[in-house]
Amino acid sequence: MNVYDFHVRQMNGKELALSDYKGKILLIVNTASKCGFTPQFEDLEKLFQKYRDHGLVIMGFPCNQFHEQDPESNEKILEYCRSNYGVTFPMLAKTNVKGPQTEPLFRYLTNEKAFQGFHPEHSLTKVLEELLSKEDPNYAQNPDIKWNFTKFLVDRNGNVVARFEPTAGLKEVEDCIRKLL
């Protein structure tokens, strides 16, 4: 089994087979429009522009599960991302990335790559750790996505090769992408 075995919903409601992306490098990201990490859209778009001709596809999956930071409709989310951050990479339908209604793709991704821990020097690490510890003192032991802008890097064969928590620097993400080019 690999990422190509899954189907996801596009913002228009139509199903998309991830097998359509065979041979591409995928960066799958759960996103939110009203989050402290939302400015990452700009850097993700820069990565997409820089490497799309080399086979990189970034796929954004809006999610409203982390303190309701993406409550709008798919259409409004897409418009926001395009008008505020110039997003041209594919944005898919709003998705559940944790809990009992987890999208099968995200269940697979988190089973393939467990929680990596937040970057100790990031300004939001302490806030996230305190917040998550209140909800679950053992949050770090389960593989679930902890917050918006968690990223999964998939190689050209559909294998999940890396997971980046939202506090990881985009330079680290780019370095891993370049190794796969």
C-alpha atoms as a PDB file:
ATOM      1  CA  MET A   1       0.000   0.000   0.000  1.00  0.00           C
ATOM      2  CA  ASN A   2       1.092   3.572  -0.688  1.00  0.00           C
ATOM      3  CA  VAL A   3      -0.364   7.048  -1.191  1.00  0.00           C
ATOM      4  CA  TYR A   4      -1.479   6.162  -4.726  1.00  0.00           C
ATOM      5  CA  ASP A   5      -4.097   3.798  -3.303  1.00  0.00           C
ATOM      6  CA  PHE A   6      -6.177   6.696  -1.946  1.00  0.00           C
ATOM      7  CA  HIS A   7      -8.858   8.980  -3.327  1.00  0.00           C
ATOM      8  CA  VAL A   8      -9.619  12.430  -1.935  1.00  0.00           C
ATOM      9  CA  ARG A   9     -12.282  15.046  -2.555  1.00  0.00           C
ATOM     10  CA  GLN A  10     -11.557  18.171  -4.506  1.00  0.00           C
ATOM     11  CA  MET A  11     -13.089  21.484  -3.466  1.00  0.00           C
ATOM     12  CA  ASN A  12     -15.757  21.040  -6.141  1.00  0.00           C
ATOM     13  CA  GLY A  13     -16.800  17.735  -4.515  1.00  0.00           C
ATOM     14  CA  LYS A  14     -15.394  15.513  -7.246  1.00  0.00           C
ATOM     15  CA  GLU A  15     -13.178  12.594  -6.329  1.00  0.00           C
ATOM     16  CA  LEU A  16      -9.469  12.693  -7.174  1.00  0.00           C
ATOM     17  CA  ALA A  17      -7.331   9.564  -7.428  1.00  0.00           C
ATOM     18  CA  LEU A  18      -3.883  10.200  -5.991  1.00  0.00           C
ATOM     19  CA  SER A  19      -2.618   7.662  -8.530  1.00  0.00           C
ATOM     20  CA  ASP A  20      -2.971  10.563 -11.004  1.00  0.00           C
ATOM     21  CA  TYR A  21       0.215  11.893  -9.386  1.00  0.00           C
ATOM     22  CA  LYS A  22       2.379   8.810  -9.919  1.00  0.00           C
ATOM     23  CA  GLY A  23       5.952   9.860 -10.540  1.00  0.00           C
ATOM     24  CA  LYS A  24       5.518  13.199  -8.732  1.00  0.00           C
ATOM     25  CA  ILE A  25       6.910  14.305  -5.384  1.00  0.00           C
ATOM     26  CA  LEU A  26       4.010  15.243  -3.107  1.00  0.00           C
ATOM     27  CA  LEU A  27       3.987  17.534  -0.116  1.00  0.00           C
ATOM     28  CA  ILE A  28       0.663  16.970   1.648  1.00  0.00           C
ATOM     29  CA  VAL A  29      -0.262  19.676   4.165  1.00  0.00           C
ATOM     30  CA  ASN A  30      -3.240  20.200   6.455  1.00  0.00           C
ATOM     31  CA  THR A  31      -3.915  23.921   6.366  1.00  0.00           C
ATOM     32  CA  ALA A  32      -5.958  26.618   8.100  1.00  0.00           C
ATOM     33  CA  SER A  33      -6.721  30.210   7.181  1.00  0.00           C
ATOM     34  CA  LYS A  34      -6.865  31.701  10.678  1.00  0.00           C
ATOM     35  CA  CYS A  35      -3.816  30.163  12.359  1.00  0.00           C
ATOM     36  CA  GLY A  36      -0.490  31.457  13.583  1.00  0.00           C
ATOM     37  CA  PHE A  37       1.108  29.280  10.905  1.00  0.00           C
ATOM     38  CA  THR A  38      -1.110  30.581   8.056  1.00  0.00           C
ATOM     39  CA  PRO A  39       1.729  32.739   6.627  1.00  0.00           C
ATOM     40  CA  GLN A  40       3.388  29.439   5.648  1.00  0.00           C
ATOM     41  CA  PHE A  41       1.097  29.538   2.609  1.00  0.00           C
ATOM     42  CA  GLU A  42       3.470  32.109   1.120  1.00  0.00           C
ATOM     43  CA  ASP A  43       6.559  29.916   1.572  1.00  0.00           C
ATOM     44  CA  LEU A  44       4.711  26.823   0.353  1.00  0.00           C
ATOM     45  CA  GLU A  45       3.721  28.686  -2.813  1.00  0.00           C
ATOM     46  CA  LYS A  46       7.366  29.728  -3.331  1.00  0.00           C
ATOM     47  CA  LEU A  47       8.451  26.084  -2.995  1.00  0.00           C
ATOM     48  CA  PHE A  48       5.766  25.042  -5.463  1.00  0.00           C
ATOM     49  CA  GLN A  49       6.829  27.661  -8.006  1.00  0.00           C
ATOM     50  CA  LYS A  50      10.490  26.747  -7.602  1.00  0.00           C
ATOM     51  CA  TYR A  51      10.120  22.978  -7.988  1.00  0.00           C
ATOM     52  CA  ARG A  52       6.858  22.252  -9.804  1.00  0.00           C
ATOM     53  CA  ASP A  53       8.649  21.903 -13.140  1.00  0.00           C
ATOM     54  CA  HIS A  54      10.811  19.261 -11.442  1.00  0.00           C
ATOM     55  CA  GLY A  55       7.775  17.242 -10.354  1.00  0.00           C
ATOM     56  CA  LEU A  56       6.757  18.742  -6.982  1.00  0.00           C
ATOM     57  CA  VAL A  57       3.049  18.989  -6.206  1.00  0.00           C
ATOM     58  CA  ILE A  58       1.917  20.593  -2.969  1.00  0.00           C
ATOM     59  CA  MET A  59      -1.565  19.578  -1.849  1.00  0.00           C
ATOM     60  CA  GLY A  60      -3.369  21.679   0.761  1.00  0.00           C
ATOM     61  CA  PHE A  61      -6.153  20.131   2.829  1.00  0.00           C
ATOM     62  CA  PRO A  62      -8.018  22.731   4.902  1.00  0.00           C
ATOM     63  CA  CYS A  63      -8.961  21.503   8.351  1.00  0.00           C
ATOM     64  CA  ASN A  64     -11.145  23.066  11.029  1.00  0.00           C
ATOM     65  CA  GLN A  65     -10.260  20.634  13.841  1.00  0.00           C
ATOM     66  CA  PHE A  66      -7.670  22.757  15.657  1.00  0.00           C
ATOM     67  CA  HIS A  67      -9.583  25.429  17.563  1.00  0.00           C
ATOM     68  CA  GLU A  68     -11.826  26.091  14.543  1.00  0.00           C
ATOM     69  CA  GLN A  69      -9.186  27.976  12.574  1.00  0.00           C
ATOM     70  CA  ASP A  70     -10.727  27.255   9.162  1.00  0.00           C
ATOM     71  CA  PRO A  71     -14.519  27.590   9.582  1.00  0.00           C
ATOM     72  CA  GLU A  72     -15.371  28.899   6.110  1.00  0.00           C
ATOM     73  CA  SER A  73     -16.669  26.999   3.075  1.00  0.00           C
ATOM     74  CA  ASN A  74     -14.288  25.422   0.576  1.00  0.00           C
ATOM     75  CA  GLU A  75     -14.985  28.247  -1.867  1.00  0.00           C
ATOM     76  CA  LYS A  76     -14.187  30.987   0.657  1.00  0.00           C
ATOM     77  CA  ILE A  77     -11.042  29.164   1.813  1.00  0.00           C
ATOM     78  CA  LEU A  78      -9.791  28.884  -1.750  1.00  0.00           C
ATOM     79  CA  GLU A  79     -10.511  32.546  -2.460  1.00  0.00           C
ATOM     80  CA  TYR A  80      -8.724  33.573   0.751  1.00  0.00           C
ATOM     81  CA  CYS A  81      -5.632  31.504  -0.067  1.00  0.00           C
ATOM     82  CA  ARG A  82      -5.459  32.824  -3.613  1.00  0.00           C
ATOM     83  CA  SER A  83      -6.088  36.484  -2.828  1.00  0.00           C
ATOM     84  CA  ASN A  84      -3.940  36.736   0.320  1.00  0.00           C
ATOM     85  CA  TYR A  85      -1.073  34.353  -0.476  1.00  0.00           C
ATOM     86  CA  GLY A  86      -1.216  33.829  -4.238  1.00  0.00           C
ATOM     87  CA  VAL A  87      -1.743  30.079  -3.792  1.00  0.00           C
ATOM     88  CA  THR A  88      -1.762  28.200  -7.096  1.00  0.00           C
ATOM     89  CA  PHE A  89      -0.991  24.702  -5.809  1.00  0.00           C
ATOM     90  CA  PRO A  90      -3.964  22.318  -5.475  1.00  0.00           C
ATOM     91  CA  MET A  91      -6.243  22.956  -2.521  1.00  0.00           C
ATOM     92  CA  LEU A  92      -8.514  20.022  -1.740  1.00  0.00           C
ATOM     93  CA  ALA A  93     -11.803  19.832   0.179  1.00  0.00           C
ATOM     94  CA  LYS A  94     -11.917  20.548   3.901  1.00  0.00           C
ATOM     95  CA  THR A  95     -10.877  17.370   5.672  1.00  0.00           C
ATOM     96  CA  ASN A  96     -10.731  15.728   9.091  1.00  0.00           C
ATOM     97  CA  VAL A  97      -7.142  14.792   9.891  1.00  0.00           C
ATOM     98  CA  LYS A  98      -7.626  13.340  13.382  1.00  0.00           C
ATOM     99  CA  GLY A  99     -10.244  11.581  15.457  1.00  0.00           C
ATOM    100  CA  PRO A 100     -12.892   9.011  14.526  1.00  0.00           C
ATOM    101  CA  GLN A 101     -13.786  10.730  11.224  1.00  0.00           C
ATOM    102  CA  THR A 102     -10.176  10.939   9.992  1.00  0.00           C
ATOM    103  CA  GLU A 103      -9.831  10.924   6.225  1.00  0.00           C
ATOM    104  CA  PRO A 104      -8.262   7.516   5.303  1.00  0.00           C
ATOM    105  CA  LEU A 105      -5.324   9.248   3.592  1.00  0.00           C
ATOM    106  CA  PHE A 106      -4.391  11.040   6.816  1.00  0.00           C
ATOM    107  CA  ARG A 107      -4.815   7.898   8.894  1.00  0.00           C
ATOM    108  CA  TYR A 108      -2.346   6.236   6.538  1.00  0.00           C
ATOM    109  CA  LEU A 109       0.093   9.160   6.613  1.00  0.00           C
ATOM    110  CA  THR A 110       0.190   9.319  10.418  1.00  0.00           C
ATOM    111  CA  ASN A 111       0.641   5.556  10.665  1.00  0.00           C
ATOM    112  CA  GLU A 112       3.581   5.793   8.274  1.00  0.00           C
ATOM    113  CA  LYS A 113       5.266   8.734  10.036  1.00  0.00           C
ATOM    114  CA  ALA A 114       4.603   9.380  13.714  1.00  0.00           C
ATOM    115  CA  PHE A 115       4.721  12.717  15.517  1.00  0.00           C
ATOM    116  CA  GLN A 116       8.225  14.169  15.279  1.00  0.00           C
ATOM    117  CA  GLY A 117       8.076  16.641  18.159  1.00  0.00           C
ATOM    118  CA  PHE A 118       7.976  20.401  17.852  1.00  0.00           C
ATOM    119  CA  HIS A 119      11.130  22.349  17.063  1.00  0.00           C
ATOM    120  CA  PRO A 120      12.480  23.448  20.466  1.00  0.00           C
ATOM    121  CA  GLU A 121      13.483  26.933  19.296  1.00  0.00           C
ATOM    122  CA  HIS A 122      10.234  27.888  17.561  1.00  0.00           C
ATOM    123  CA  SER A 123       8.308  30.680  19.299  1.00  0.00           C
ATOM    124  CA  LEU A 124       5.037  28.698  19.289  1.00  0.00           C
ATOM    125  CA  THR A 125       6.435  25.400  20.583  1.00  0.00           C
ATOM    126  CA  LYS A 126       5.790  26.124  24.259  1.00  0.00           C
ATOM    127  CA  VAL A 127       2.252  27.335  23.527  1.00  0.00           C
ATOM    128  CA  LEU A 128       1.454  24.200  21.524  1.00  0.00           C
ATOM    129  CA  GLU A 129       2.963  21.870  24.118  1.00  0.00           C
ATOM    130  CA  GLU A 130       0.969  23.478  26.945  1.00  0.00           C
ATOM    131  CA  LEU A 131      -2.263  23.447  24.954  1.00  0.00           C
ATOM    132  CA  LEU A 132      -1.880  19.836  23.828  1.00  0.00           C
ATOM    133  CA  SER A 133      -0.786  18.640  27.285  1.00  0.00           C
ATOM    134  CA  LYS A 134      -4.001  20.010  28.790  1.00  0.00           C
ATOM    135  CA  GLU A 135      -6.054  18.008  26.288  1.00  0.00           C
ATOM    136  CA  ASP A 136      -3.917  14.859  26.570  1.00  0.00           C
ATOM    137  CA  PRO A 137      -0.864  14.593  28.843  1.00  0.00           C
ATOM    138  CA  ASN A 138       0.441  11.798  26.592  1.00  0.00           C
ATOM    139  CA  TYR A 139      -0.204  13.585  23.285  1.00  0.00           C
ATOM    140  CA  ALA A 140       3.348  13.001  22.027  1.00  0.00           C
ATOM    141  CA  GLN A 141       2.938   9.218  22.160  1.00  0.00           C
ATOM    142  CA  ASN A 142       0.196   8.974  19.543  1.00  0.00           C
ATOM    143  CA  PRO A 143       0.882   9.575  15.850  1.00  0.00           C
ATOM    144  CA  ASP A 144      -2.071  11.902  15.242  1.00  0.00           C
ATOM    145  CA  ILE A 145      -1.591  15.283  13.653  1.00  0.00           C
ATOM    146  CA  LYS A 146      -1.200  17.793  16.449  1.00  0.00           C
ATOM    147  CA  TRP A 147      -1.818  21.103  14.643  1.00  0.00           C
ATOM    148  CA  ASN A 148      -2.308  22.901  11.344  1.00  0.00           C
ATOM    149  CA  PHE A 149       0.458  22.897   8.738  1.00  0.00           C
ATOM    150  CA  THR A 150       1.804  19.431   9.460  1.00  0.00           C
ATOM    151  CA  LYS A 151       3.489  18.275   6.263  1.00  0.00           C
ATOM    152  CA  PHE A 152       4.089  14.823   4.774  1.00  0.00           C
ATOM    153  CA  LEU A 153       6.637  14.352   2.007  1.00  0.00           C
ATOM    154  CA  VAL A 154       5.943  11.547  -0.461  1.00  0.00           C
ATOM    155  CA  ASP A 155       8.512  10.269  -2.967  1.00  0.00           C
ATOM    156  CA  ARG A 156       7.901   9.527  -6.655  1.00  0.00           C
ATOM    157  CA  ASN A 157       6.909   5.940  -5.778  1.00  0.00           C
ATOM    158  CA  GLY A 158       4.144   6.975  -3.377  1.00  0.00           C
ATOM    159  CA  ASN A 159       6.098   6.247  -0.187  1.00  0.00           C
ATOM    160  CA  VAL A 160       5.899   8.600   2.797  1.00  0.00           C
ATOM    161  CA  VAL A 161       9.514   9.595   3.456  1.00  0.00           C
ATOM    162  CA  ALA A 162       9.227  12.437   5.978  1.00  0.00           C
ATOM    163  CA  ARG A 163       6.891  14.266   8.318  1.00  0.00           C
ATOM    164  CA  PHE A 164       7.399  17.875   9.332  1.00  0.00           C
ATOM    165  CA  GLU A 165       5.571  19.404  12.247  1.00  0.00           C
ATOM    166  CA  PRO A 166       4.324  22.999  11.787  1.00  0.00           C
ATOM    167  CA  THR A 167       7.288  24.353  13.751  1.00  0.00           C
ATOM    168  CA  ALA A 168       9.824  22.844  11.334  1.00  0.00           C
ATOM    169  CA  GLY A 169      11.594  25.371   9.146  1.00  0.00           C
ATOM    170  CA  LEU A 170      10.697  25.433   5.468  1.00  0.00           C
ATOM    171  CA  LYS A 171      14.424  25.244   4.686  1.00  0.00           C
ATOM    172  CA  GLU A 172      14.437  21.754   6.224  1.00  0.00           C
ATOM    173  CA  VAL A 173      11.445  20.802   4.071  1.00  0.00           C
ATOM    174  CA  GLU A 174      13.127  22.189   0.951  1.00  0.00           C
ATOM    175  CA  ASP A 175      16.347  20.295   1.667  1.00  0.00           C
ATOM    176  CA  CYS A 176      14.398  17.018   1.806  1.00  0.00           C
ATOM    177  CA  ILE A 177      12.544  17.869  -1.397  1.00  0.00           C
ATOM    178  CA  ARG A 178      15.805  18.561  -3.215  1.00  0.00           C
ATOM    179  CA  LYS A 179      17.117  15.116  -2.224  1.00  0.00           C
ATOM    180  CA  LEU A 180      14.143  13.561  -4.002  1.00  0.00           C
ATOM    181  CA  LEU A 181      14.504  15.568  -7.229  1.00  0.00           C
END
